Each structure stands twice: as structure tokens, then as C-alpha cells.
């Protein structure tokens, strides 16, 4: 009997702990709506930590931000700042405990053409809205997923540490991408691409324009051009470097590797000197293609 009495408090504590752990999480719902006139600013910047950011089309000329949470406290609501023509929208005092969930929706009118900057440290940034910006478009994350399509801007800048970057149907004078270990996917990009990565993998298809691609660590590069307007250069330290060029393109070619192999579909046009394979493909070329690896293989096809 004495043993059972001593055990009873332990049983109660275990039962309370179990019931607390099984507490049903509150449903997420709209808790805050912000509305702005786009004539009041020239640049828009969103800065959030863990929230997903969903970019949608506004049905009027106003910019609308909607915050969804499973807890409704005013201290959690977004903070806004206006300075030097920029509107900054950032998260409030969000709780750090587990069980809290939130995301935001931003509705951008079609007539907005200024600068746009989106940041979420670990959340997903998703946009399919047909943006036509005369300014710059910036997007960055640390470990989140970025999915952006149908965007036209003066310049595009994207950065990620360990997340993923996916871009499709984009037009810009320059597209600058900088990653550490992020996987990057590009499809139907028009413009000059500047890509810098340490260990991430780049997969790019249907590119129109030119570019400089650099993977300084273990990253690999796989790029395919539908149209080339200026020079192309690519370097991969240890990863594979694969390039597909338009069949009708005339170009000066050079490929260098220390330990890897070089394989092309136009070997009859090339001369091998030490670790470099070079030559001219086509008639009167004004495009230069320069490729280099240290330990990775180089594969080129037309």
C-alpha cells in the first residue's frame, strides 16, 4: 500500500505532462491587414524571420499586407517604417516557443514599378505575379525556399546560404546570384547572369544572353543557352562543368582543367596544348566561351 501511495503523485505528473503535450494547436487565421498607397514610396522592403511570404496580385491600386497567425496579439503585428522613399515592413515581437505559426500575403498592384526587396530567414518566398519593375528586385534567404517567376526588373539580386533558389521567366539587365551551399535552378532567363557559389549546384536551361559562373568549392554547374549575345565564362573548382550552346553559334573556345577531362561535340575544331583545349567554331566569331575546372570534368555540346 505504501508503494502505491508513493507512486500516485508520479502517475499524476505523467498524466498532466501527457495531456499538455497533446494540446491541440490553434488554427491559423487572418489577424492583421495593412493598406498603403503606392504613391507614398518608391521602394518596398519586407523583412521577416521564419514567415512564408506569398506575393499576390492586388485588385486595386493599393498595396495590401495580410498577416496570418495561430495566436492573435497586437505585439505580434508587423512594424512599418517610411524613410527616404522606402517603405519597410518587418515582423513584430514574435514568440520563440514551438507551436506558434504564421505567414504573410502581400498584394502588389500591377501599376507598381518601383524597387522590391523580400527577405525571409527560413520561410518560403513564393511569387508568380507578373511584376514589371523599372527598379531593382532583391530576394534573399538563409535556409528557406525561394520560388519566383514572371518577373521583369532593371536588375535582379538573389542570395542564399543553404536554401534553394528557383527562378523562371525573368528579364533583367543583370541577374546576380550569390550562394554558399544552395541549390539554384534557372529557366528562361533573359539577361547577363553573374553566379557565385561555394558548394551549391546550379542547373540552368533556356538562357538568353551571357554570363559569368563561378563555383569555388564542391559545386557543379550545368547551363544551357538558347541564345548567346555576349561572352560566357565558367569556373568550377571540383564539380562538373556542363555547357550546352546553340548549334548555330560561332565562338572562340577555350577549356582548361588540371585533373579532370574535357569532352566536346566539336573536337575536330580544337587543338590540345598541355591542359588546355582551344579553337574556333563557326565563321567570324565575336563570342568567346572560356571554361575552367581544377578537378572537375568539362562537357560541352551544341
Protein backbone atom coordinates (compact mmCIF):
# COMPACT_ATOMS: atom_id res chain seq x y z
CA UNK A 1 0.00 0.00 0.00
CA UNK A 2 2.79 2.39 0.87
CA UNK A 3 4.38 1.73 -2.51
CA UNK A 4 1.13 2.59 -4.35
CA UNK A 5 0.72 5.88 -2.40
CA UNK A 6 4.21 6.97 -3.32
CA UNK A 7 3.57 6.17 -6.97
CA UNK A 8 0.32 8.11 -7.22
CA UNK A 9 1.91 11.62 -7.46
CA UNK A 10 4.23 10.35 -10.17
CA UNK A 11 1.30 8.99 -12.14
CA UNK A 12 -0.50 12.35 -11.86
CA UNK A 13 2.54 14.27 -13.07
CA UNK A 14 2.97 11.93 -16.03
CA UNK A 15 -0.70 12.27 -16.94
CA UNK A 16 -0.58 16.07 -16.78
CA UNK A 17 2.55 16.11 -18.94
CA UNK A 18 0.95 13.81 -21.49
CA UNK A 19 -2.20 15.92 -21.73
CA UNK A 20 -0.13 19.10 -22.11
CA UNK A 21 1.88 17.57 -24.92
CA UNK A 22 -1.29 16.57 -26.72
CA UNK A 23 -2.83 20.04 -26.54
CA UNK A 24 -4.47 20.84 -29.87
CA UNK A 25 -2.66 23.60 -31.79
CA UNK A 26 -4.81 26.61 -32.65
CA UNK A 27 -5.83 27.05 -36.27
CA UNK A 28 -4.08 29.78 -38.26
CA UNK A 29 -6.22 32.73 -39.37
CA UNK A 30 -6.03 36.30 -40.64
CA UNK A 31 -5.23 38.64 -37.73
CA UNK A 32 -3.85 41.83 -39.25
CA UNK A 33 -4.30 43.77 -42.51
CA UNK A 34 -2.21 46.76 -43.62
CA UNK A 35 -3.03 49.01 -46.59
CA UNK A 36 -0.72 51.50 -48.29
CA UNK A 37 -0.86 53.88 -51.24
CA UNK A 38 2.00 53.11 -53.63
CA UNK A 39 2.43 56.80 -54.47
CA UNK A 40 3.84 57.27 -50.96
CA UNK A 41 7.02 55.26 -51.58
CA UNK A 42 9.44 54.28 -54.34
CA UNK A 43 10.94 51.19 -52.70
CA UNK A 44 9.26 48.36 -50.80
CA UNK A 45 11.16 46.07 -48.43
CA UNK A 46 9.78 43.11 -46.45
CA UNK A 47 11.97 41.66 -43.71
CA UNK A 48 10.70 38.59 -41.86
CA UNK A 49 12.35 35.77 -39.94
CA UNK A 50 10.51 32.46 -40.22
CA UNK A 51 7.35 33.52 -42.07
CA UNK A 52 6.42 32.31 -45.52
CA UNK A 53 5.92 35.25 -47.88
CA UNK A 54 3.34 34.87 -50.65
CA UNK A 55 3.27 37.55 -53.35
CA UNK A 56 -0.14 38.02 -54.96
CA UNK A 57 -1.93 40.49 -57.24
CA UNK A 58 -3.81 43.40 -55.73
CA UNK A 59 -7.25 44.01 -57.22
CA UNK A 60 -6.86 47.78 -56.84
CA UNK A 61 -4.12 50.41 -56.76
CA UNK A 62 -3.26 49.80 -53.12
CA UNK A 63 -0.59 47.65 -51.55
CA UNK A 64 -2.06 45.25 -49.02
CA UNK A 65 -0.23 43.10 -46.45
CA UNK A 66 -2.12 40.37 -44.59
CA UNK A 67 -0.65 38.56 -41.60
CA UNK A 68 -1.93 35.11 -40.63
CA UNK A 69 -1.18 33.63 -37.19
CA UNK A 70 -2.47 30.98 -34.82
CA UNK A 71 -2.20 33.46 -31.92
CA UNK A 72 -3.64 36.96 -32.07
CA UNK A 73 -1.70 39.54 -30.09
CA UNK A 74 -1.14 43.09 -31.19
CA UNK A 75 2.53 42.93 -30.19
CA UNK A 76 2.99 40.23 -32.86
CA UNK A 77 1.77 42.54 -35.64
CA UNK A 78 4.08 43.96 -38.30
CA UNK A 79 6.01 47.16 -37.78
CA UNK A 80 6.27 49.69 -40.59
CA UNK A 81 8.79 52.43 -41.27
CA UNK A 82 8.99 55.06 -44.01
CA UNK A 83 12.26 56.79 -44.74
CA UNK A 84 13.90 58.27 -47.84
CA UNK A 85 11.22 56.95 -50.15
CA UNK A 86 11.34 53.39 -48.79
CA UNK A 87 8.57 51.51 -47.01
CA UNK A 88 9.91 48.84 -44.67
CA UNK A 89 7.58 46.18 -43.28
CA UNK A 90 9.03 43.85 -40.67
CA UNK A 91 7.69 41.38 -38.13
CA UNK A 92 6.63 42.31 -34.62
CA UNK A 93 7.69 40.68 -31.35
CA UNK A 94 7.02 37.11 -32.39
CA UNK A 95 7.17 34.37 -29.73
CA UNK A 96 10.10 31.96 -29.98
CA UNK A 97 8.29 28.99 -28.46
CA UNK A 98 7.25 25.99 -30.52
CA UNK A 99 3.66 25.81 -31.64
CA UNK A 100 3.46 29.37 -32.97
CA UNK A 101 2.77 29.52 -36.70
CA UNK A 102 2.42 32.43 -39.11
CA UNK A 103 2.74 33.54 -42.72
CA UNK A 104 2.06 36.70 -44.71
CA UNK A 105 0.44 37.61 -48.00
CA UNK A 106 1.45 40.73 -49.87
CA UNK A 107 -0.84 42.03 -52.63
CA UNK A 108 1.01 44.23 -55.12
CA UNK A 109 -0.87 46.31 -57.72
CA UNK A 110 0.05 45.90 -61.36
CA UNK A 111 0.96 49.58 -61.66
CA UNK A 112 3.74 49.36 -59.05
CA UNK A 113 7.10 49.70 -60.81
CA UNK A 114 9.50 50.67 -58.00
CA UNK A 115 12.11 48.62 -56.15
CA UNK A 116 11.09 45.44 -54.34
CA UNK A 117 13.09 43.55 -51.70
CA UNK A 118 11.93 40.34 -49.98
CA UNK A 119 13.68 38.59 -47.09
CA UNK A 120 12.72 35.57 -45.02
CA UNK A 121 15.43 33.86 -43.00
CA UNK A 122 13.92 30.37 -43.03
CA UNK A 123 10.50 30.73 -44.63
CA UNK A 124 9.39 30.18 -48.23
CA UNK A 125 9.19 33.15 -50.59
CA UNK A 126 6.79 32.40 -53.43
CA UNK A 127 5.78 34.71 -56.28
CA UNK A 128 4.11 34.01 -59.61
CA UNK A 129 2.86 37.57 -60.00
CA UNK A 130 3.79 39.25 -63.28
CA UNK A 131 5.96 42.03 -61.86
CA UNK A 132 7.18 44.76 -64.21
CA UNK A 133 9.65 46.81 -62.19
CA UNK A 134 11.63 49.73 -63.55
CA UNK A 135 13.72 49.42 -60.39
CA UNK A 136 15.56 46.52 -58.76
CA UNK A 137 14.27 43.24 -57.40
CA UNK A 138 16.12 41.68 -54.44
CA UNK A 139 15.34 38.41 -52.69
CA UNK A 140 17.36 36.60 -50.05
CA UNK A 141 17.12 33.79 -47.52
CA UNK A 142 19.36 31.84 -45.20
CA UNK A 143 17.77 28.40 -45.24
CA UNK A 144 14.38 28.95 -46.86
CA UNK A 145 12.98 28.21 -50.32
CA UNK A 146 12.67 30.95 -52.96
CA UNK A 147 10.33 30.45 -55.92
CA UNK A 148 9.94 33.45 -58.24
CA UNK A 149 8.62 33.59 -61.81
CA UNK A 150 7.29 36.08 -64.36
CA UNK A 151 9.38 38.99 -63.14
CA UNK A 152 10.88 41.85 -65.15
CA UNK A 153 13.24 44.28 -63.42
CA UNK A 154 16.19 46.54 -64.07
CA UNK A 155 18.46 44.30 -62.00
CA UNK A 156 17.80 41.12 -60.02
CA UNK A 157 19.84 40.14 -56.97
CA UNK A 158 19.37 36.88 -55.06
CA UNK A 159 21.30 35.31 -52.21
CA UNK A 160 21.00 32.16 -50.11
CA UNK A 161 23.16 30.25 -47.67
CA UNK A 162 21.64 26.76 -47.51
CA UNK A 163 18.20 27.26 -49.01
CA UNK A 164 17.02 26.75 -52.58
CA UNK A 165 16.59 29.34 -55.35
CA UNK A 166 14.19 28.73 -58.23
CA UNK A 167 13.66 31.37 -60.93
CA UNK A 168 11.66 31.11 -64.15
CA UNK A 169 10.62 33.56 -66.88
CA UNK A 170 12.69 36.52 -65.77
CA UNK A 171 14.03 39.52 -67.71
CA UNK A 172 16.69 41.87 -66.37
CA UNK A 173 19.79 43.70 -67.48
CA UNK A 174 21.74 41.75 -64.85
CA UNK A 175 20.87 38.77 -62.65
CA UNK A 176 23.28 38.46 -59.73
CA UNK A 177 23.16 35.27 -57.66
CA UNK A 178 25.32 34.51 -54.65
CA UNK A 179 25.05 31.32 -52.59
CA UNK A 180 27.03 29.21 -50.18
CA UNK A 181 25.52 25.73 -50.48
CA UNK A 182 22.15 26.48 -52.04
CA UNK A 183 20.70 24.55 -54.96
CA UNK A 184 19.85 27.01 -57.75
CA UNK A 185 17.52 26.44 -60.68
CA UNK A 186 17.12 28.92 -63.56
CA UNK A 187 14.79 28.55 -66.53
CA UNK A 188 14.04 31.01 -69.32
CA UNK A 189 16.15 33.86 -68.04
CA UNK A 190 16.95 36.81 -70.31
CA UNK A 191 19.93 38.95 -69.38
CA UNK A 192 23.50 38.79 -68.14
CA UNK A 193 23.92 36.31 -65.28
CA UNK A 194 26.61 36.64 -62.62
CA UNK A 195 26.65 33.49 -60.47
CA UNK A 196 28.90 32.94 -57.44
CA UNK A 197 28.74 29.85 -55.24
CA UNK A 198 30.93 27.83 -52.91
CA UNK A 199 29.24 24.44 -52.75
CA UNK A 200 25.82 24.75 -54.33
CA UNK A 201 24.59 23.15 -57.55
CA UNK A 202 23.42 25.29 -60.46
CA UNK A 203 21.02 23.97 -63.09
CA UNK A 204 20.06 26.49 -65.78
CA UNK A 205 18.17 25.99 -69.04
CA UNK A 206 16.82 28.10 -71.93
CA UNK A 207 19.08 31.04 -71.09
CA UNK A 208 19.18 34.07 -73.38
CA UNK A 209 22.15 36.39 -73.05
CA UNK A 210 25.54 35.83 -71.44
CA UNK A 211 27.08 35.16 -68.08
CA UNK A 212 29.90 34.52 -65.65
CA UNK A 213 29.56 31.42 -63.48
CA UNK A 214 31.85 30.54 -60.59
CA UNK A 215 31.69 27.59 -58.17
CA UNK A 216 34.69 27.95 -55.89
CA UNK A 217 34.16 24.79 -53.83
CA UNK A 218 32.37 21.50 -54.42
CA UNK A 219 29.58 22.96 -56.50
CA UNK A 220 28.69 21.85 -60.01
CA UNK A 221 27.41 23.93 -62.92
CA UNK A 222 25.05 22.80 -65.67
CA UNK A 223 23.97 25.58 -68.05
CA UNK A 224 22.17 25.56 -71.39
CA UNK A 225 21.84 28.61 -73.65
CA UNK A 226 19.11 29.04 -76.22
CA UNK A 227 20.69 32.30 -77.42
CA UNK A 228 24.07 33.89 -76.69
CA UNK A 229 24.58 37.65 -77.09
CA UNK A 230 27.90 38.19 -75.28
CA UNK A 231 30.80 36.21 -73.80
CA UNK A 232 30.41 33.26 -71.44
CA UNK A 233 32.87 32.22 -68.74
CA UNK A 234 32.54 29.45 -66.17
CA UNK A 235 34.75 28.00 -63.44
CA UNK A 236 34.17 25.02 -61.18
CA UNK A 237 36.86 24.02 -58.73
CA UNK A 238 35.91 20.40 -58.03
CA UNK A 239 32.49 19.89 -59.58
CA UNK A 240 31.38 19.01 -63.08
CA UNK A 241 31.01 21.82 -65.60
CA UNK A 242 28.45 21.07 -68.34
CA UNK A 243 27.57 23.63 -71.03
CA UNK A 244 25.13 23.44 -73.93
CA UNK A 245 25.38 26.08 -76.68
CA UNK A 246 23.13 26.89 -79.67
CA UNK A 247 24.03 24.79 -82.69
CA UNK A 248 24.34 27.84 -84.99
CA UNK A 249 26.57 29.84 -82.63
CA UNK A 250 30.03 30.85 -83.84
CA UNK A 251 32.52 31.29 -81.00
CA UNK A 252 36.10 31.19 -79.82
CA UNK A 253 36.53 28.34 -77.35
CA UNK A 254 38.95 27.59 -74.52
CA UNK A 255 38.71 24.89 -71.82
CA UNK A 256 41.30 24.20 -69.13
CA UNK A 257 41.44 21.56 -66.41
CA UNK A 258 44.20 20.19 -64.20
CA UNK A 259 42.85 16.79 -63.17
CA UNK A 260 39.52 16.49 -64.98
CA UNK A 261 38.64 15.52 -68.54
CA UNK A 262 37.38 17.67 -71.44
CA UNK A 263 34.70 16.32 -73.73
CA UNK A 264 33.09 18.34 -76.56
CA UNK A 265 30.87 17.63 -79.55
CA UNK A 266 33.23 19.62 -81.83
CA UNK A 267 36.64 18.06 -81.14
CA UNK A 268 37.59 18.30 -84.82
CA UNK A 269 37.78 22.12 -84.46
CA UNK A 270 40.06 22.08 -81.41
CA UNK A 271 43.74 21.84 -80.55
CA UNK A 272 45.06 20.41 -77.26
CA UNK A 273 48.01 22.19 -75.63
CA UNK A 274 49.05 20.88 -72.21
CA UNK A 275 45.90 21.17 -70.04
CA UNK A 276 44.03 23.46 -72.42
CA UNK A 277 41.79 22.66 -75.34
CA UNK A 278 41.04 25.62 -77.63
CA UNK A 279 39.89 26.54 -81.09
CA UNK A 280 37.34 28.37 -83.21
CA UNK A 281 33.86 27.08 -84.01
CA UNK A 282 31.96 28.63 -86.90
CA UNK A 283 32.83 31.57 -89.13
CA UNK A 284 33.92 35.05 -87.92
CA UNK A 285 33.01 34.54 -84.26
CA UNK A 286 32.57 37.55 -81.95
CA UNK A 287 31.65 35.46 -78.90
CA UNK A 288 34.19 33.91 -76.51
CA UNK A 289 33.47 30.86 -74.35
CA UNK A 290 36.07 30.22 -71.62
CA UNK A 291 35.71 27.25 -69.26
CA UNK A 292 37.95 26.04 -66.44
CA UNK A 293 37.99 23.46 -63.66
CA UNK A 294 40.62 22.21 -61.26
CA UNK A 295 39.45 18.66 -60.61
CA UNK A 296 36.07 18.51 -62.31
CA UNK A 297 35.17 17.27 -65.79
CA UNK A 298 34.15 19.65 -68.58
CA UNK A 299 31.41 18.65 -71.01
CA UNK A 300 30.31 20.89 -73.90
CA UNK A 301 27.71 20.20 -76.57
CA UNK A 302 25.82 22.10 -79.25
